[in-house]
Amino acid sequence: MANILITGAGSGLGRGAALGLAQAGHHVIASAEIWSQVRDLRSEAQRQGVHLDAAKLDVTDEIDRKHAFGYDQSGGNSEFDQPPARRAGSDDQASVGA
C-alpha cells in the first residue's frame, strides 16, 4: 500500500479521499488548515474504525510548513511566496486537495 499525503483534508473532497484511502489500507497523512478540522477528522476516522495520521498544516503558513516538512520553503522560489493572483492555477484551474 502507498503512503499518501492529502492537503485540504478538513472538508469536502480532501476529507472523503483521506478517509476512503485509509479505509482501503493506505497509510494516509491527512492535513487540515485549522485545529478544529484536525480534531473532527481524527474523530471521524476513529468512528469509522480507520487509521490515518491527521495533522494541522496550512500550506500558506511558513511556520506550519517548517514544522511539517522540517525546512523553510520561503526562499523566494516557492509558489506560496507569491500573491494569490500569481500562484499556479489561481486564475482558472482548481487544485485537488487544496
Protein backbone atom coordinates (compact mmCIF):
# COMPACT_ATOMS: atom_id res chain seq x y z
CA MET A 1 0.00 0.00 0.00
CA ALA A 2 1.04 3.58 -0.64
CA ASN A 3 1.99 6.43 1.67
CA ILE A 4 -0.27 9.35 0.75
CA LEU A 5 -0.23 13.00 1.89
CA ILE A 6 -3.53 14.80 1.40
CA THR A 7 -3.77 18.53 2.00
CA GLY A 8 -7.16 20.12 2.49
CA ALA A 9 -8.49 17.03 4.26
CA GLY A 10 -10.54 19.07 6.71
CA SER A 11 -13.62 19.02 4.50
CA GLY A 12 -15.12 18.07 1.17
CA LEU A 13 -13.22 16.05 -1.40
CA GLY A 14 -9.99 16.02 0.59
CA ARG A 15 -11.72 14.64 3.69
CA GLY A 16 -13.53 11.97 1.69
CA ALA A 17 -10.37 10.97 -0.13
CA ALA A 18 -8.39 10.73 3.11
CA LEU A 19 -10.97 8.54 4.82
CA GLY A 20 -11.57 6.40 1.73
CA LEU A 21 -7.89 5.78 1.05
CA ALA A 22 -7.28 4.95 4.72
CA GLN A 23 -10.24 2.54 4.57
CA ALA A 24 -8.59 0.90 1.55
CA GLY A 25 -5.49 0.25 3.67
CA HIS A 26 -3.17 3.05 2.56
CA HIS A 27 -1.04 4.98 5.03
CA VAL A 28 -2.65 8.43 4.89
CA ILE A 29 -1.28 11.64 6.31
CA ALA A 30 -4.24 13.99 6.17
CA SER A 31 -3.68 17.68 6.80
CA ALA A 32 -6.22 20.34 7.61
CA GLU A 33 -5.83 24.08 7.86
CA ILE A 34 -7.31 24.60 11.34
CA TRP A 35 -7.22 22.59 14.57
CA SER A 36 -10.99 22.07 14.78
CA GLN A 37 -10.87 20.30 11.39
CA VAL A 38 -7.98 18.12 12.58
CA ARG A 39 -9.95 17.10 15.69
CA ASP A 40 -13.10 16.39 13.64
CA LEU A 41 -11.12 14.32 11.13
CA ARG A 42 -9.50 12.27 13.91
CA SER A 43 -12.91 11.67 15.50
CA GLU A 44 -14.47 10.60 12.19
CA ALA A 45 -11.59 8.23 11.43
CA GLN A 46 -11.97 6.68 14.87
CA ARG A 47 -15.75 6.42 14.41
CA GLN A 48 -15.21 4.62 11.07
CA GLY A 49 -12.51 2.39 12.57
CA VAL A 50 -9.79 3.53 10.17
CA HIS A 51 -6.27 4.69 10.91
CA LEU A 52 -4.89 7.89 9.48
CA ASP A 53 -2.45 10.49 10.72
CA ALA A 54 -4.20 13.85 10.92
CA ALA A 55 -2.05 16.96 11.20
CA LYS A 56 -2.52 20.71 11.19
CA LEU A 57 -1.00 22.19 8.05
CA ASP A 58 -1.83 25.48 6.41
CA VAL A 59 0.43 25.30 3.35
CA THR A 60 0.43 29.11 3.10
CA ASP A 61 1.87 29.43 6.63
CA GLU A 62 5.68 29.40 6.89
CA ILE A 63 5.67 28.03 10.45
CA ASP A 64 3.31 25.19 9.55
CA ARG A 65 5.44 24.26 6.50
CA LYS A 66 8.61 24.30 8.56
CA HIS A 67 7.01 22.11 11.23
CA ALA A 68 5.53 19.66 8.73
CA PHE A 69 8.45 19.36 6.32
CA GLY A 70 11.41 20.20 8.55
CA TYR A 71 12.72 23.06 6.43
CA ASP A 72 11.89 26.60 5.41
CA GLN A 73 10.38 26.93 1.93
CA SER A 74 10.34 30.73 1.92
CA GLY A 75 13.40 31.19 -0.27
CA GLY A 76 11.55 33.12 -2.98
CA ASN A 77 11.00 30.26 -5.44
CA SER A 78 8.09 28.80 -3.54
CA GLU A 79 4.67 29.12 -5.08
CA PHE A 80 3.41 30.11 -1.64
CA ASP A 81 5.65 33.19 -1.55
CA GLN A 82 3.65 34.66 -4.43
CA PRO A 83 0.48 36.73 -4.01
CA PRO A 84 -2.62 34.54 -4.56
CA ALA A 85 -3.25 36.00 -8.03
CA ARG A 86 0.20 34.83 -9.20
CA ARG A 87 0.04 31.27 -7.84
CA ALA A 88 -0.15 28.50 -10.37
CA GLY A 89 -3.70 27.60 -11.21
CA SER A 90 -5.24 30.53 -9.37
CA ASP A 91 -6.82 32.03 -12.47
CA ASP A 92 -8.98 29.25 -13.89
CA GLN A 93 -7.73 25.92 -12.57
CA ALA A 94 -8.69 24.13 -9.39
CA SER A 95 -6.24 22.16 -7.26
CA VAL A 96 -7.41 18.87 -5.78
CA GLY A 97 -7.00 18.78 -2.03
CA ALA A 98 -6.06 22.43 -1.74
